[in-house]
């Protein structure tokens, strides 16, 4: 990462609430072709989330604690704040001297931009200001939120505008929190009704919806130079699993998340 930072643009895309099992099933079945073509080996990596809900997980990720590989470690991290005794900081780790990765990248010359999704990014109250407040530039509007059936399209359009407005020589760190998978998501499943509520099937349909538009985001982020992309879930969620519904609880469906990182090469 010491070679990547300063050379490439950076994208962190969190697919909020995406379950690992659903992500794996859809990739294997060919139902998310635009995402799958970028996944190493065409498959998601199984990892453990650093938190069981959006706020906790993103606070950890912005401190450099991305989802951890779901196997015995230690696992060297891509990014880490400088502190003595860190067993997950290695030679390939990009070490920053600020309290969080966002300000660390800003200190390295990056334009840091947040395109929010779920309520913790809506800037409508003190709590909703914390995470977007880390960035030099942040965007949120109702069209990006959980109640919008076209949220991801709107977020991608804003990302395209951000990229187009940035001077060619300025490096970009873009963070986008995709809200489409978070409840309510029933409207992404053809024939579903509000009364039937969200289901695992509508959760899967929401991921297919994201896949239909993600090519535009990847194209924008690789339009200026090579981009290093991290795509992952911040936590999963339950749909009646063992009697549980929702997240912010200790269940395998919440703690296990899909993860991938890869380069997006610029088009010729």
C-alpha atoms as a PDB file:
ATOM      1  CA  UNK A   1       0.000   0.000   0.000  1.00  0.00           C
ATOM      2  CA  UNK A   2       2.998   2.317   0.355  1.00  0.00           C
ATOM      3  CA  UNK A   3       3.336   2.141  -3.429  1.00  0.00           C
ATOM      4  CA  UNK A   4      -0.398   2.523  -4.059  1.00  0.00           C
ATOM      5  CA  UNK A   5      -1.012   5.552  -1.825  1.00  0.00           C
ATOM      6  CA  UNK A   6       0.096   8.674  -3.637  1.00  0.00           C
ATOM      7  CA  UNK A   7       0.062   6.962  -7.018  1.00  0.00           C
ATOM      8  CA  UNK A   8      -3.496   5.672  -7.493  1.00  0.00           C
ATOM      9  CA  UNK A   9      -6.979   6.918  -6.728  1.00  0.00           C
ATOM     10  CA  UNK A  10      -8.757   5.020  -3.942  1.00  0.00           C
ATOM     11  CA  UNK A  11     -12.332   3.759  -3.628  1.00  0.00           C
ATOM     12  CA  UNK A  12     -13.934   2.320  -0.504  1.00  0.00           C
ATOM     13  CA  UNK A  13     -17.419   1.029  -1.298  1.00  0.00           C
ATOM     14  CA  UNK A  14     -19.390  -0.418   1.595  1.00  0.00           C
ATOM     15  CA  UNK A  15     -22.434  -2.435   0.567  1.00  0.00           C
ATOM     16  CA  UNK A  16     -24.287  -1.707   3.773  1.00  0.00           C
ATOM     17  CA  UNK A  17     -25.846  -4.765   5.458  1.00  0.00           C
ATOM     18  CA  UNK A  18     -24.848  -7.257   2.723  1.00  0.00           C
ATOM     19  CA  UNK A  19     -24.843 -10.847   3.967  1.00  0.00           C
ATOM     20  CA  UNK A  20     -21.886 -13.033   3.030  1.00  0.00           C
ATOM     21  CA  UNK A  21     -23.989 -16.048   2.102  1.00  0.00           C
ATOM     22  CA  UNK A  22     -26.215 -14.048  -0.241  1.00  0.00           C
ATOM     23  CA  UNK A  23     -23.227 -12.396  -1.906  1.00  0.00           C
ATOM     24  CA  UNK A  24     -21.533 -15.771  -2.458  1.00  0.00           C
ATOM     25  CA  UNK A  25     -24.673 -17.405  -3.834  1.00  0.00           C
ATOM     26  CA  UNK A  26     -25.314 -14.632  -6.333  1.00  0.00           C
ATOM     27  CA  UNK A  27     -21.718 -14.573  -7.557  1.00  0.00           C
ATOM     28  CA  UNK A  28     -21.716 -18.358  -8.050  1.00  0.00           C
ATOM     29  CA  UNK A  29     -25.046 -18.244  -9.890  1.00  0.00           C
ATOM     30  CA  UNK A  30     -23.922 -15.519 -12.288  1.00  0.00           C
ATOM     31  CA  UNK A  31     -26.465 -13.041 -10.937  1.00  0.00           C
ATOM     32  CA  UNK A  32     -23.965 -10.221 -10.253  1.00  0.00           C
ATOM     33  CA  UNK A  33     -21.777 -10.358 -13.382  1.00  0.00           C
ATOM     34  CA  UNK A  34     -20.445  -6.800 -13.216  1.00  0.00           C
ATOM     35  CA  UNK A  35     -19.162  -7.236  -9.682  1.00  0.00           C
ATOM     36  CA  UNK A  36     -18.005 -10.815 -10.162  1.00  0.00           C
ATOM     37  CA  UNK A  37     -15.721  -9.959 -13.071  1.00  0.00           C
ATOM     38  CA  UNK A  38     -13.611  -7.866 -10.685  1.00  0.00           C
ATOM     39  CA  UNK A  39     -13.573 -10.280  -7.731  1.00  0.00           C
ATOM     40  CA  UNK A  40     -10.265 -12.161  -7.478  1.00  0.00           C
ATOM     41  CA  UNK A  41     -11.032 -15.601  -8.896  1.00  0.00           C
ATOM     42  CA  UNK A  42     -14.638 -14.484  -9.362  1.00  0.00           C
ATOM     43  CA  UNK A  43     -15.386 -15.071  -5.683  1.00  0.00           C
ATOM     44  CA  UNK A  44     -15.818 -13.065  -2.483  1.00  0.00           C
ATOM     45  CA  UNK A  45     -13.431 -13.449   0.423  1.00  0.00           C
ATOM     46  CA  UNK A  46     -15.032 -14.476   3.701  1.00  0.00           C
ATOM     47  CA  UNK A  47     -14.220 -12.018   6.470  1.00  0.00           C
ATOM     48  CA  UNK A  48     -15.393 -10.941   9.915  1.00  0.00           C
ATOM     49  CA  UNK A  49     -16.871  -7.469  10.349  1.00  0.00           C
ATOM     50  CA  UNK A  50     -15.274  -5.081  12.857  1.00  0.00           C
ATOM     51  CA  UNK A  51     -18.736  -4.138  14.140  1.00  0.00           C
ATOM     52  CA  UNK A  52     -22.314  -5.419  14.169  1.00  0.00           C
ATOM     53  CA  UNK A  53     -23.906  -2.203  12.870  1.00  0.00           C
ATOM     54  CA  UNK A  54     -23.019   0.687  10.577  1.00  0.00           C
ATOM     55  CA  UNK A  55     -21.654   3.276  12.996  1.00  0.00           C
ATOM     56  CA  UNK A  56     -19.357   0.955  14.924  1.00  0.00           C
ATOM     57  CA  UNK A  57     -18.096  -0.807  11.831  1.00  0.00           C
ATOM     58  CA  UNK A  58     -17.288   2.368   9.908  1.00  0.00           C
ATOM     59  CA  UNK A  59     -15.541   3.956  12.875  1.00  0.00           C
ATOM     60  CA  UNK A  60     -13.265   0.912  12.925  1.00  0.00           C
ATOM     61  CA  UNK A  61     -12.749   0.826   9.153  1.00  0.00           C
ATOM     62  CA  UNK A  62     -11.872   4.514   9.031  1.00  0.00           C
ATOM     63  CA  UNK A  63      -9.256   3.774  11.701  1.00  0.00           C
ATOM     64  CA  UNK A  64      -7.735   1.148   9.389  1.00  0.00           C
ATOM     65  CA  UNK A  65      -9.502  -1.930  10.765  1.00  0.00           C
ATOM     66  CA  UNK A  66     -11.125  -3.344   7.634  1.00  0.00           C
ATOM     67  CA  UNK A  67     -12.993  -6.665   7.922  1.00  0.00           C
ATOM     68  CA  UNK A  68     -10.591  -9.367   9.116  1.00  0.00           C
ATOM     69  CA  UNK A  69      -9.980 -12.584   7.127  1.00  0.00           C
ATOM     70  CA  UNK A  70     -12.055 -15.364   8.707  1.00  0.00           C
ATOM     71  CA  UNK A  71      -9.081 -17.633   9.438  1.00  0.00           C
ATOM     72  CA  UNK A  72      -6.383 -17.758  12.092  1.00  0.00           C
ATOM     73  CA  UNK A  73      -3.996 -14.799  11.879  1.00  0.00           C
ATOM     74  CA  UNK A  74      -2.252 -12.518  12.369  1.00  0.00           C
ATOM     75  CA  UNK A  75      -3.401 -10.728   9.240  1.00  0.00           C
ATOM     76  CA  UNK A  76      -1.347  -7.717   8.109  1.00  0.00           C
ATOM     77  CA  UNK A  77      -3.589  -4.725   7.416  1.00  0.00           C
ATOM     78  CA  UNK A  78      -3.615  -2.463   4.379  1.00  0.00           C
ATOM     79  CA  UNK A  79      -3.791   0.694   6.522  1.00  0.00           C
ATOM     80  CA  UNK A  80      -2.932   1.376  10.148  1.00  0.00           C
ATOM     81  CA  UNK A  81      -2.455   4.303  12.500  1.00  0.00           C
ATOM     82  CA  UNK A  82       1.033   4.426  13.944  1.00  0.00           C
ATOM     83  CA  UNK A  83       1.089   2.936  17.429  1.00  0.00           C
ATOM     84  CA  UNK A  84       3.547   0.729  19.246  1.00  0.00           C
ATOM     85  CA  UNK A  85       2.900  -2.968  19.538  1.00  0.00           C
ATOM     86  CA  UNK A  86       0.531  -3.386  16.582  1.00  0.00           C
ATOM     87  CA  UNK A  87       0.763  -7.018  15.484  1.00  0.00           C
ATOM     88  CA  UNK A  88      -1.186  -6.365  12.277  1.00  0.00           C
ATOM     89  CA  UNK A  89       1.091  -3.585  10.970  1.00  0.00           C
ATOM     90  CA  UNK A  90       3.635  -4.954   8.490  1.00  0.00           C
ATOM     91  CA  UNK A  91       6.035  -3.656   5.861  1.00  0.00           C
ATOM     92  CA  UNK A  92       3.298  -3.495   3.216  1.00  0.00           C
ATOM     93  CA  UNK A  93       0.958  -1.548   5.517  1.00  0.00           C
ATOM     94  CA  UNK A  94       0.409   2.150   4.826  1.00  0.00           C
ATOM     95  CA  UNK A  95       0.953   3.787   8.215  1.00  0.00           C
ATOM     96  CA  UNK A  96      -0.568   7.191   8.940  1.00  0.00           C
ATOM     97  CA  UNK A  97       0.085   9.589  11.815  1.00  0.00           C
ATOM     98  CA  UNK A  98      -3.413  11.031  12.138  1.00  0.00           C
ATOM     99  CA  UNK A  99      -6.311   9.604  14.184  1.00  0.00           C
ATOM    100  CA  UNK A 100      -8.038   8.109  11.134  1.00  0.00           C
ATOM    101  CA  UNK A 101      -7.358   6.976   7.579  1.00  0.00           C
ATOM    102  CA  UNK A 102      -9.448   9.758   6.030  1.00  0.00           C
ATOM    103  CA  UNK A 103      -7.365  12.562   7.527  1.00  0.00           C
ATOM    104  CA  UNK A 104      -4.226  10.519   6.891  1.00  0.00           C
ATOM    105  CA  UNK A 105      -4.998  10.407   3.176  1.00  0.00           C
ATOM    106  CA  UNK A 106      -5.866  14.110   3.194  1.00  0.00           C
ATOM    107  CA  UNK A 107      -2.430  14.787   4.691  1.00  0.00           C
ATOM    108  CA  UNK A 108      -0.957  12.747   1.840  1.00  0.00           C
ATOM    109  CA  UNK A 109      -2.602  15.074  -0.689  1.00  0.00           C
ATOM    110  CA  UNK A 110      -5.830  13.239  -1.437  1.00  0.00           C
ATOM    111  CA  UNK A 111      -9.196  14.923  -1.897  1.00  0.00           C
ATOM    112  CA  UNK A 112     -11.417  12.980   0.516  1.00  0.00           C
ATOM    113  CA  UNK A 113     -15.079  12.681  -0.464  1.00  0.00           C
ATOM    114  CA  UNK A 114     -17.975  10.885   1.238  1.00  0.00           C
ATOM    115  CA  UNK A 115     -21.203   9.959  -0.558  1.00  0.00           C
ATOM    116  CA  UNK A 116     -23.467   8.820   2.250  1.00  0.00           C
ATOM    117  CA  UNK A 117     -26.324   6.377   2.264  1.00  0.00           C
ATOM    118  CA  UNK A 118     -27.858   5.136   5.511  1.00  0.00           C
ATOM    119  CA  UNK A 119     -28.895   7.427   8.351  1.00  0.00           C
ATOM    120  CA  UNK A 120     -25.476   7.645  10.017  1.00  0.00           C
ATOM    121  CA  UNK A 121     -24.363   9.710   6.999  1.00  0.00           C
ATOM    122  CA  UNK A 122     -27.405  11.953   6.558  1.00  0.00           C
ATOM    123  CA  UNK A 123     -25.988  15.027   8.353  1.00  0.00           C
ATOM    124  CA  UNK A 124     -29.452  15.706   9.802  1.00  0.00           C
ATOM    125  CA  UNK A 125     -28.276  15.695  13.409  1.00  0.00           C
ATOM    126  CA  UNK A 126     -25.136  15.618  15.501  1.00  0.00           C
ATOM    127  CA  UNK A 127     -24.722  11.840  15.197  1.00  0.00           C
ATOM    128  CA  UNK A 128     -25.295  11.937  11.446  1.00  0.00           C
ATOM    129  CA  UNK A 129     -22.478  14.461  11.145  1.00  0.00           C
ATOM    130  CA  UNK A 130     -19.728  12.403  12.782  1.00  0.00           C
ATOM    131  CA  UNK A 131     -18.730  10.057   9.948  1.00  0.00           C
ATOM    132  CA  UNK A 132     -19.193  12.451   7.005  1.00  0.00           C
ATOM    133  CA  UNK A 133     -17.473  15.134   9.090  1.00  0.00           C
ATOM    134  CA  UNK A 134     -14.189  13.260   8.700  1.00  0.00           C
ATOM    135  CA  UNK A 135     -14.110  14.114   4.988  1.00  0.00           C
ATOM    136  CA  UNK A 136     -13.161  17.323   3.201  1.00  0.00           C
ATOM    137  CA  UNK A 137     -16.343  17.016   1.132  1.00  0.00           C
ATOM    138  CA  UNK A 138     -19.500  15.070   1.917  1.00  0.00           C
ATOM    139  CA  UNK A 139     -22.797  14.510   0.148  1.00  0.00           C
ATOM    140  CA  UNK A 140     -26.168  13.205   1.279  1.00  0.00           C
ATOM    141  CA  UNK A 141     -29.738  13.782   0.168  1.00  0.00           C
ATOM    142  CA  UNK A 142     -32.969  11.765   0.521  1.00  0.00           C
ATOM    143  CA  UNK A 143     -32.431  10.264  -2.934  1.00  0.00           C
ATOM    144  CA  UNK A 144     -29.362   8.455  -1.503  1.00  0.00           C
ATOM    145  CA  UNK A 145     -31.198   7.044   1.515  1.00  0.00           C
ATOM    146  CA  UNK A 146     -32.723   3.713   2.439  1.00  0.00           C
ATOM    147  CA  UNK A 147     -36.269   4.659   1.408  1.00  0.00           C
ATOM    148  CA  UNK A 148     -35.331   5.438  -2.199  1.00  0.00           C
ATOM    149  CA  UNK A 149     -35.764   2.621  -4.748  1.00  0.00           C
ATOM    150  CA  UNK A 150     -33.181   4.364  -6.962  1.00  0.00           C
ATOM    151  CA  UNK A 151     -30.625   5.219  -4.265  1.00  0.00           C
ATOM    152  CA  UNK A 152     -27.577   3.629  -5.852  1.00  0.00           C
ATOM    153  CA  UNK A 153     -28.193   5.217  -9.235  1.00  0.00           C
ATOM    154  CA  UNK A 154     -28.378   8.616  -7.558  1.00  0.00           C
ATOM    155  CA  UNK A 155     -25.201   7.965  -5.576  1.00  0.00           C
ATOM    156  CA  UNK A 156     -23.303   6.872  -8.678  1.00  0.00           C
ATOM    157  CA  UNK A 157     -24.434   9.979 -10.540  1.00  0.00           C
ATOM    158  CA  UNK A 158     -23.056  12.128  -7.726  1.00  0.00           C
ATOM    159  CA  UNK A 159     -19.783  10.169  -7.817  1.00  0.00           C
ATOM    160  CA  UNK A 160     -19.495  10.862 -11.536  1.00  0.00           C
ATOM    161  CA  UNK A 161     -19.956  14.580 -10.845  1.00  0.00           C
ATOM    162  CA  UNK A 162     -17.302  14.517  -8.103  1.00  0.00           C
ATOM    163  CA  UNK A 163     -14.761  12.851 -10.394  1.00  0.00           C
ATOM    164  CA  UNK A 164     -15.518  15.199 -13.283  1.00  0.00           C
ATOM    165  CA  UNK A 165     -15.023  18.291 -11.106  1.00  0.00           C
ATOM    166  CA  UNK A 166     -11.650  17.253  -9.679  1.00  0.00           C
ATOM    167  CA  UNK A 167      -8.417  18.581 -11.231  1.00  0.00           C
ATOM    168  CA  UNK A 168      -6.675  15.841 -13.186  1.00  0.00           C
ATOM    169  CA  UNK A 169      -3.552  15.924 -11.030  1.00  0.00           C
ATOM    170  CA  UNK A 170      -5.383  15.659  -7.688  1.00  0.00           C
ATOM    171  CA  UNK A 171      -5.632  12.185  -6.190  1.00  0.00           C
ATOM    172  CA  UNK A 172      -9.068  11.115  -4.944  1.00  0.00           C
ATOM    173  CA  UNK A 173     -10.226   8.981  -2.033  1.00  0.00           C
ATOM    174  CA  UNK A 174     -13.919   8.337  -2.577  1.00  0.00           C
ATOM    175  CA  UNK A 175     -16.002   6.595   0.041  1.00  0.00           C
ATOM    176  CA  UNK A 176     -19.519   5.507  -0.902  1.00  0.00           C
ATOM    177  CA  UNK A 177     -21.960   3.850   1.497  1.00  0.00           C
ATOM    178  CA  UNK A 178     -24.554   2.029  -0.620  1.00  0.00           C
ATOM    179  CA  UNK A 179     -27.874   2.000   1.228  1.00  0.00           C
ATOM    180  CA  UNK A 180     -29.925  -0.154  -1.169  1.00  0.00           C
ATOM    181  CA  UNK A 181     -29.471  -3.443   0.721  1.00  0.00           C
ATOM    182  CA  UNK A 182     -30.528  -1.993   4.064  1.00  0.00           C
ATOM    183  CA  UNK A 183     -34.143  -2.304   5.076  1.00  0.00           C
ATOM    184  CA  UNK A 184     -36.509  -1.446   3.495  1.00  0.00           C
ATOM    185  CA  UNK A 185     -35.474  -3.390   0.397  1.00  0.00           C
ATOM    186  CA  UNK A 186     -38.726  -5.171  -0.534  1.00  0.00           C
ATOM    187  CA  UNK A 187     -39.265  -2.815  -3.476  1.00  0.00           C
ATOM    188  CA  UNK A 188     -36.266  -4.300  -5.317  1.00  0.00           C
ATOM    189  CA  UNK A 189     -38.006  -7.683  -5.650  1.00  0.00           C
ATOM    190  CA  UNK A 190     -40.553  -7.805  -8.505  1.00  0.00           C
ATOM    191  CA  UNK A 191     -44.027  -8.537  -7.176  1.00  0.00           C
ATOM    192  CA  UNK A 192     -43.149  -7.921  -3.533  1.00  0.00           C
ATOM    193  CA  UNK A 193     -45.345  -5.716  -1.368  1.00  0.00           C
ATOM    194  CA  UNK A 194     -44.740  -3.479   1.626  1.00  0.00           C
ATOM    195  CA  UNK A 195     -47.049  -5.711   3.664  1.00  0.00           C
ATOM    196  CA  UNK A 196     -44.884  -8.762   2.941  1.00  0.00           C
ATOM    197  CA  UNK A 197     -41.874  -6.819   4.300  1.00  0.00           C
ATOM    198  CA  UNK A 198     -38.222  -7.501   3.489  1.00  0.00           C
ATOM    199  CA  UNK A 199     -36.919 -11.012   2.918  1.00  0.00           C
ATOM    200  CA  UNK A 200     -33.672 -12.722   2.083  1.00  0.00           C
ATOM    201  CA  UNK A 201     -34.927 -12.776  -1.520  1.00  0.00           C
ATOM    202  CA  UNK A 202     -35.473  -9.006  -1.609  1.00  0.00           C
ATOM    203  CA  UNK A 203     -32.016  -8.575  -0.044  1.00  0.00           C
ATOM    204  CA  UNK A 204     -30.603 -10.548  -2.977  1.00  0.00           C
ATOM    205  CA  UNK A 205     -32.639  -8.506  -5.450  1.00  0.00           C
ATOM    206  CA  UNK A 206     -31.136  -5.332  -3.982  1.00  0.00           C
ATOM    207  CA  UNK A 207     -27.632  -6.655  -4.653  1.00  0.00           C
ATOM    208  CA  UNK A 208     -28.640  -7.417  -8.248  1.00  0.00           C
ATOM    209  CA  UNK A 209     -29.900  -3.831  -8.505  1.00  0.00           C
ATOM    210  CA  UNK A 210     -26.523  -2.513  -7.329  1.00  0.00           C
ATOM    211  CA  UNK A 211     -24.734  -4.750  -9.806  1.00  0.00           C
ATOM    212  CA  UNK A 212     -26.707  -3.311 -12.714  1.00  0.00           C
ATOM    213  CA  UNK A 213     -25.285   0.151 -12.019  1.00  0.00           C
ATOM    214  CA  UNK A 214     -21.878  -0.509 -10.481  1.00  0.00           C
ATOM    215  CA  UNK A 215     -20.106  -0.465 -13.832  1.00  0.00           C
ATOM    216  CA  UNK A 216     -20.700   3.281 -14.029  1.00  0.00           C
ATOM    217  CA  UNK A 217     -19.027   3.812 -10.649  1.00  0.00           C
ATOM    218  CA  UNK A 218     -16.017   1.695 -11.601  1.00  0.00           C
ATOM    219  CA  UNK A 219     -15.723   3.478 -14.953  1.00  0.00           C
ATOM    220  CA  UNK A 220     -15.763   6.888 -13.291  1.00  0.00           C
ATOM    221  CA  UNK A 221     -13.177   5.921 -10.694  1.00  0.00           C
ATOM    222  CA  UNK A 222     -10.791   4.559 -13.343  1.00  0.00           C
ATOM    223  CA  UNK A 223     -11.346   7.370 -15.838  1.00  0.00           C
ATOM    224  CA  UNK A 224      -8.360   9.434 -14.658  1.00  0.00           C
ATOM    225  CA  UNK A 225      -5.812   6.839 -13.542  1.00  0.00           C
ATOM    226  CA  UNK A 226      -5.655   3.408 -11.964  1.00  0.00           C
ATOM    227  CA  UNK A 227      -7.854   3.017  -8.909  1.00  0.00           C
ATOM    228  CA  UNK A 228      -7.412   0.686  -5.969  1.00  0.00           C
ATOM    229  CA  UNK A 229     -10.899  -0.430  -4.930  1.00  0.00           C
ATOM    230  CA  UNK A 230     -12.085  -2.040  -1.704  1.00  0.00           C
ATOM    231  CA  UNK A 231     -15.627  -3.434  -1.836  1.00  0.00           C
ATOM    232  CA  UNK A 232     -17.085  -5.002   1.271  1.00  0.00           C
ATOM    233  CA  UNK A 233     -20.002  -5.165   3.653  1.00  0.00           C
ATOM    234  CA  UNK A 234     -19.858  -3.422   7.000  1.00  0.00           C
ATOM    235  CA  UNK A 235     -22.034  -6.103   8.642  1.00  0.00           C
ATOM    236  CA  UNK A 236     -24.716  -8.583   7.680  1.00  0.00           C
ATOM    237  CA  UNK A 237     -28.281  -8.878   8.890  1.00  0.00           C
ATOM    238  CA  UNK A 238     -30.801 -11.544   9.870  1.00  0.00           C
ATOM    239  CA  UNK A 239     -34.138 -12.467   8.321  1.00  0.00           C
ATOM    240  CA  UNK A 240     -35.529 -14.828  10.937  1.00  0.00           C
ATOM    241  CA  UNK A 241     -32.275 -16.780  11.301  1.00  0.00           C
ATOM    242  CA  UNK A 242     -32.553 -18.652  14.623  1.00  0.00           C
ATOM    243  CA  UNK A 243     -35.420 -16.336  15.485  1.00  0.00           C
ATOM    244  CA  UNK A 244     -33.419 -13.120  14.978  1.00  0.00           C
ATOM    245  CA  UNK A 245     -34.354 -10.218  12.744  1.00  0.00           C
ATOM    246  CA  UNK A 246     -32.068  -7.282  11.949  1.00  0.00           C
ATOM    247  CA  UNK A 247     -28.499  -6.644  13.150  1.00  0.00           C
ATOM    248  CA  UNK A 248     -26.567  -5.031  16.021  1.00  0.00           C
ATOM    249  CA  UNK A 249     -26.459  -8.508  17.517  1.00  0.00           C
ATOM    250  CA  UNK A 250     -23.954 -11.368  17.689  1.00  0.00           C
ATOM    251  CA  UNK A 251     -25.045 -13.789  14.990  1.00  0.00           C
ATOM    252  CA  UNK A 252     -23.051 -15.516  12.256  1.00  0.00           C
ATOM    253  CA  UNK A 253     -25.168 -13.821   9.571  1.00  0.00           C
ATOM    254  CA  UNK A 254     -24.231 -10.426  11.040  1.00  0.00           C
ATOM    255  CA  UNK A 255     -20.540 -10.947  11.769  1.00  0.00           C
ATOM    256  CA  UNK A 256     -19.603 -12.719   8.508  1.00  0.00           C
ATOM    257  CA  UNK A 257     -19.222 -10.404   5.517  1.00  0.00           C
ATOM    258  CA  UNK A 258     -18.030 -10.489   1.905  1.00  0.00           C
ATOM    259  CA  UNK A 259     -14.845  -8.614   1.011  1.00  0.00           C
ATOM    260  CA  UNK A 260     -12.705  -7.950  -2.054  1.00  0.00           C
ATOM    261  CA  UNK A 261      -9.996  -5.557  -3.152  1.00  0.00           C
ATOM    262  CA  UNK A 262      -8.661  -5.128  -6.658  1.00  0.00           C
ATOM    263  CA  UNK A 263      -7.322  -2.602  -9.141  1.00  0.00           C
ATOM    264  CA  UNK A 264      -9.520  -0.837 -11.662  1.00  0.00           C
ATOM    265  CA  UNK A 265      -7.349  -0.187 -14.688  1.00  0.00           C
ATOM    266  CA  UNK A 266      -7.907   3.024 -16.673  1.00  0.00           C
ATOM    267  CA  UNK A 267      -9.570   2.639 -20.039  1.00  0.00           C
ATOM    268  CA  UNK A 268      -7.404   3.211 -23.079  1.00  0.00           C
END
